[in-house]
């Protein structure tokens, strides 16, 4: 299990470990715009996640996901807000991301794959 001081430390380490795709949440998909890939909730797994609060403002919270997609042979990083600024969409993507946020007590803990 890794512990990171900052969001930048987490993303830099994940990139060194092969999570190189820059992913973004776009409504009902997670996208790798460089490769024109649009993943649905069934297309990826969350390997690890790390939460961070802003030093000056606890409402400024982000979560970093290490994402793998065997379907697209892709490993990438998704940074998303949580807490006050989180997207409260009811999409399957948001449900999957939210499930990992609340179901695991430890950041980045290895979990058995479903």
C-alpha atoms as a PDB file:
ATOM      1  CA  UNK A   1       0.000   0.000   0.000  1.00  0.00           C
ATOM      2  CA  UNK A   2       1.303   3.429  -0.924  1.00  0.00           C
ATOM      3  CA  UNK A   3       0.837   6.682   0.929  1.00  0.00           C
ATOM      4  CA  UNK A   4       1.329   9.919  -0.958  1.00  0.00           C
ATOM      5  CA  UNK A   5       1.680  13.432   0.407  1.00  0.00           C
ATOM      6  CA  UNK A   6       0.270  15.128  -2.694  1.00  0.00           C
ATOM      7  CA  UNK A   7      -1.833  14.422  -5.749  1.00  0.00           C
ATOM      8  CA  UNK A   8       1.223  15.136  -7.915  1.00  0.00           C
ATOM      9  CA  UNK A   9       3.267  12.500  -6.032  1.00  0.00           C
ATOM     10  CA  UNK A  10       0.533   9.929  -6.626  1.00  0.00           C
ATOM     11  CA  UNK A  11       0.155  10.650 -10.340  1.00  0.00           C
ATOM     12  CA  UNK A  12       3.930  10.700 -10.901  1.00  0.00           C
ATOM     13  CA  UNK A  13       4.347   7.310  -9.196  1.00  0.00           C
ATOM     14  CA  UNK A  14       1.421   5.793 -11.061  1.00  0.00           C
ATOM     15  CA  UNK A  15       2.895   7.015 -14.355  1.00  0.00           C
ATOM     16  CA  UNK A  16       6.224   5.360 -13.464  1.00  0.00           C
ATOM     17  CA  UNK A  17       4.266   2.143 -12.861  1.00  0.00           C
ATOM     18  CA  UNK A  18       2.728   2.231 -16.348  1.00  0.00           C
ATOM     19  CA  UNK A  19      -0.506   4.177 -15.844  1.00  0.00           C
ATOM     20  CA  UNK A  20       0.227   6.536 -18.709  1.00  0.00           C
ATOM     21  CA  UNK A  21      -3.153   7.313 -20.290  1.00  0.00           C
ATOM     22  CA  UNK A  22      -4.650  10.655 -19.241  1.00  0.00           C
ATOM     23  CA  UNK A  23      -8.302   9.823 -18.608  1.00  0.00           C
ATOM     24  CA  UNK A  24     -11.288  12.125 -18.161  1.00  0.00           C
ATOM     25  CA  UNK A  25     -14.835  11.582 -17.007  1.00  0.00           C
ATOM     26  CA  UNK A  26     -17.206  12.594 -19.808  1.00  0.00           C
ATOM     27  CA  UNK A  27     -20.796  11.925 -18.769  1.00  0.00           C
ATOM     28  CA  UNK A  28     -21.427   8.200 -19.184  1.00  0.00           C
ATOM     29  CA  UNK A  29     -17.887   7.309 -20.301  1.00  0.00           C
ATOM     30  CA  UNK A  30     -14.290   7.562 -19.185  1.00  0.00           C
ATOM     31  CA  UNK A  31     -12.294   8.798 -22.156  1.00  0.00           C
ATOM     32  CA  UNK A  32      -8.730   8.671 -23.380  1.00  0.00           C
ATOM     33  CA  UNK A  33      -8.940  11.541 -25.850  1.00  0.00           C
ATOM     34  CA  UNK A  34      -5.448  10.879 -27.242  1.00  0.00           C
ATOM     35  CA  UNK A  35      -6.523   7.436 -28.467  1.00  0.00           C
ATOM     36  CA  UNK A  36     -10.206   8.301 -29.065  1.00  0.00           C
ATOM     37  CA  UNK A  37     -11.318   5.640 -26.532  1.00  0.00           C
ATOM     38  CA  UNK A  38     -14.651   5.924 -24.717  1.00  0.00           C
ATOM     39  CA  UNK A  39     -15.031   3.334 -21.936  1.00  0.00           C
ATOM     40  CA  UNK A  40     -18.288   2.348 -20.296  1.00  0.00           C
ATOM     41  CA  UNK A  41     -18.446   0.984 -16.726  1.00  0.00           C
ATOM     42  CA  UNK A  42     -17.968  -2.571 -18.024  1.00  0.00           C
ATOM     43  CA  UNK A  43     -14.766  -1.672 -19.905  1.00  0.00           C
ATOM     44  CA  UNK A  44     -12.463  -0.900 -16.968  1.00  0.00           C
ATOM     45  CA  UNK A  45     -11.376  -1.854 -13.453  1.00  0.00           C
ATOM     46  CA  UNK A  46     -10.202   0.412 -10.646  1.00  0.00           C
ATOM     47  CA  UNK A  47      -6.868  -0.935  -9.382  1.00  0.00           C
ATOM     48  CA  UNK A  48      -6.102   1.723  -6.771  1.00  0.00           C
ATOM     49  CA  UNK A  49      -7.392   5.070  -5.557  1.00  0.00           C
ATOM     50  CA  UNK A  50      -6.076   7.878  -3.365  1.00  0.00           C
ATOM     51  CA  UNK A  51      -7.958  10.786  -1.802  1.00  0.00           C
ATOM     52  CA  UNK A  52      -6.541  14.257  -1.229  1.00  0.00           C
ATOM     53  CA  UNK A  53      -7.837  17.365   0.529  1.00  0.00           C
ATOM     54  CA  UNK A  54      -6.665  20.848  -0.328  1.00  0.00           C
ATOM     55  CA  UNK A  55      -4.226  22.248   2.254  1.00  0.00           C
ATOM     56  CA  UNK A  56      -6.073  25.538   2.572  1.00  0.00           C
ATOM     57  CA  UNK A  57      -9.625  24.395   1.880  1.00  0.00           C
ATOM     58  CA  UNK A  58     -11.006  20.998   2.992  1.00  0.00           C
ATOM     59  CA  UNK A  59     -13.819  21.429   0.446  1.00  0.00           C
ATOM     60  CA  UNK A  60     -11.175  21.244  -2.304  1.00  0.00           C
ATOM     61  CA  UNK A  61     -11.002  17.441  -2.508  1.00  0.00           C
ATOM     62  CA  UNK A  62      -9.813  15.171  -5.299  1.00  0.00           C
ATOM     63  CA  UNK A  63      -9.456  11.470  -5.837  1.00  0.00           C
ATOM     64  CA  UNK A  64      -6.928   9.775  -8.129  1.00  0.00           C
ATOM     65  CA  UNK A  65      -7.909   6.474  -9.721  1.00  0.00           C
ATOM     66  CA  UNK A  66      -5.486   3.977 -11.274  1.00  0.00           C
ATOM     67  CA  UNK A  67      -7.591   2.407 -14.044  1.00  0.00           C
ATOM     68  CA  UNK A  68      -6.958  -0.678 -16.186  1.00  0.00           C
ATOM     69  CA  UNK A  69      -8.873  -1.752 -19.280  1.00  0.00           C
ATOM     70  CA  UNK A  70      -7.982  -5.166 -20.694  1.00  0.00           C
ATOM     71  CA  UNK A  71     -10.489  -4.529 -23.511  1.00  0.00           C
ATOM     72  CA  UNK A  72      -8.460  -1.536 -24.739  1.00  0.00           C
ATOM     73  CA  UNK A  73      -5.054  -2.700 -23.422  1.00  0.00           C
ATOM     74  CA  UNK A  74      -4.882   0.523 -21.434  1.00  0.00           C
ATOM     75  CA  UNK A  75      -3.620   1.680 -18.050  1.00  0.00           C
ATOM     76  CA  UNK A  76      -4.404   5.243 -17.064  1.00  0.00           C
ATOM     77  CA  UNK A  77      -5.066   7.853 -14.419  1.00  0.00           C
ATOM     78  CA  UNK A  78      -8.386   9.541 -13.731  1.00  0.00           C
ATOM     79  CA  UNK A  79      -8.468  12.544 -11.379  1.00  0.00           C
ATOM     80  CA  UNK A  80     -11.926  13.473 -10.162  1.00  0.00           C
ATOM     81  CA  UNK A  81     -13.430  15.718  -7.504  1.00  0.00           C
ATOM     82  CA  UNK A  82     -15.272  14.287  -4.528  1.00  0.00           C
ATOM     83  CA  UNK A  83     -17.147  15.851  -1.670  1.00  0.00           C
ATOM     84  CA  UNK A  84     -18.534  19.341  -2.273  1.00  0.00           C
ATOM     85  CA  UNK A  85     -17.488  19.564  -5.943  1.00  0.00           C
ATOM     86  CA  UNK A  86     -18.216  15.980  -6.958  1.00  0.00           C
ATOM     87  CA  UNK A  87     -20.354  15.224  -9.958  1.00  0.00           C
ATOM     88  CA  UNK A  88     -23.562  13.730  -8.582  1.00  0.00           C
ATOM     89  CA  UNK A  89     -24.483  12.066 -11.857  1.00  0.00           C
ATOM     90  CA  UNK A  90     -26.435   8.827 -11.633  1.00  0.00           C
ATOM     91  CA  UNK A  91     -24.532   7.167 -14.484  1.00  0.00           C
ATOM     92  CA  UNK A  92     -23.081   3.665 -14.212  1.00  0.00           C
ATOM     93  CA  UNK A  93     -19.588   5.201 -14.321  1.00  0.00           C
ATOM     94  CA  UNK A  94     -20.312   7.421 -11.310  1.00  0.00           C
ATOM     95  CA  UNK A  95     -21.863   4.481  -9.479  1.00  0.00           C
ATOM     96  CA  UNK A  96     -18.745   2.365 -10.035  1.00  0.00           C
ATOM     97  CA  UNK A  97     -16.409   5.175  -8.952  1.00  0.00           C
ATOM     98  CA  UNK A  98     -18.549   5.988  -5.920  1.00  0.00           C
ATOM     99  CA  UNK A  99     -18.722   2.321  -4.896  1.00  0.00           C
ATOM    100  CA  UNK A 100     -14.930   2.186  -4.640  1.00  0.00           C
ATOM    101  CA  UNK A 101     -14.810   5.444  -2.656  1.00  0.00           C
ATOM    102  CA  UNK A 102     -17.168   4.257   0.059  1.00  0.00           C
ATOM    103  CA  UNK A 103     -16.612   0.497   0.146  1.00  0.00           C
ATOM    104  CA  UNK A 104     -12.893   0.498   0.957  1.00  0.00           C
ATOM    105  CA  UNK A 105     -11.380   2.003   4.073  1.00  0.00           C
ATOM    106  CA  UNK A 106      -7.758   2.050   2.906  1.00  0.00           C
ATOM    107  CA  UNK A 107      -6.418   3.970  -0.082  1.00  0.00           C
ATOM    108  CA  UNK A 108      -4.913   1.716  -2.695  1.00  0.00           C
ATOM    109  CA  UNK A 109      -5.484  -1.474  -0.758  1.00  0.00           C
ATOM    110  CA  UNK A 110      -5.280  -4.579  -2.930  1.00  0.00           C
ATOM    111  CA  UNK A 111      -8.726  -6.016  -3.412  1.00  0.00           C
ATOM    112  CA  UNK A 112      -9.824  -9.231  -5.033  1.00  0.00           C
ATOM    113  CA  UNK A 113     -11.249  -8.706  -8.514  1.00  0.00           C
ATOM    114  CA  UNK A 114     -14.962  -9.357  -8.861  1.00  0.00           C
END
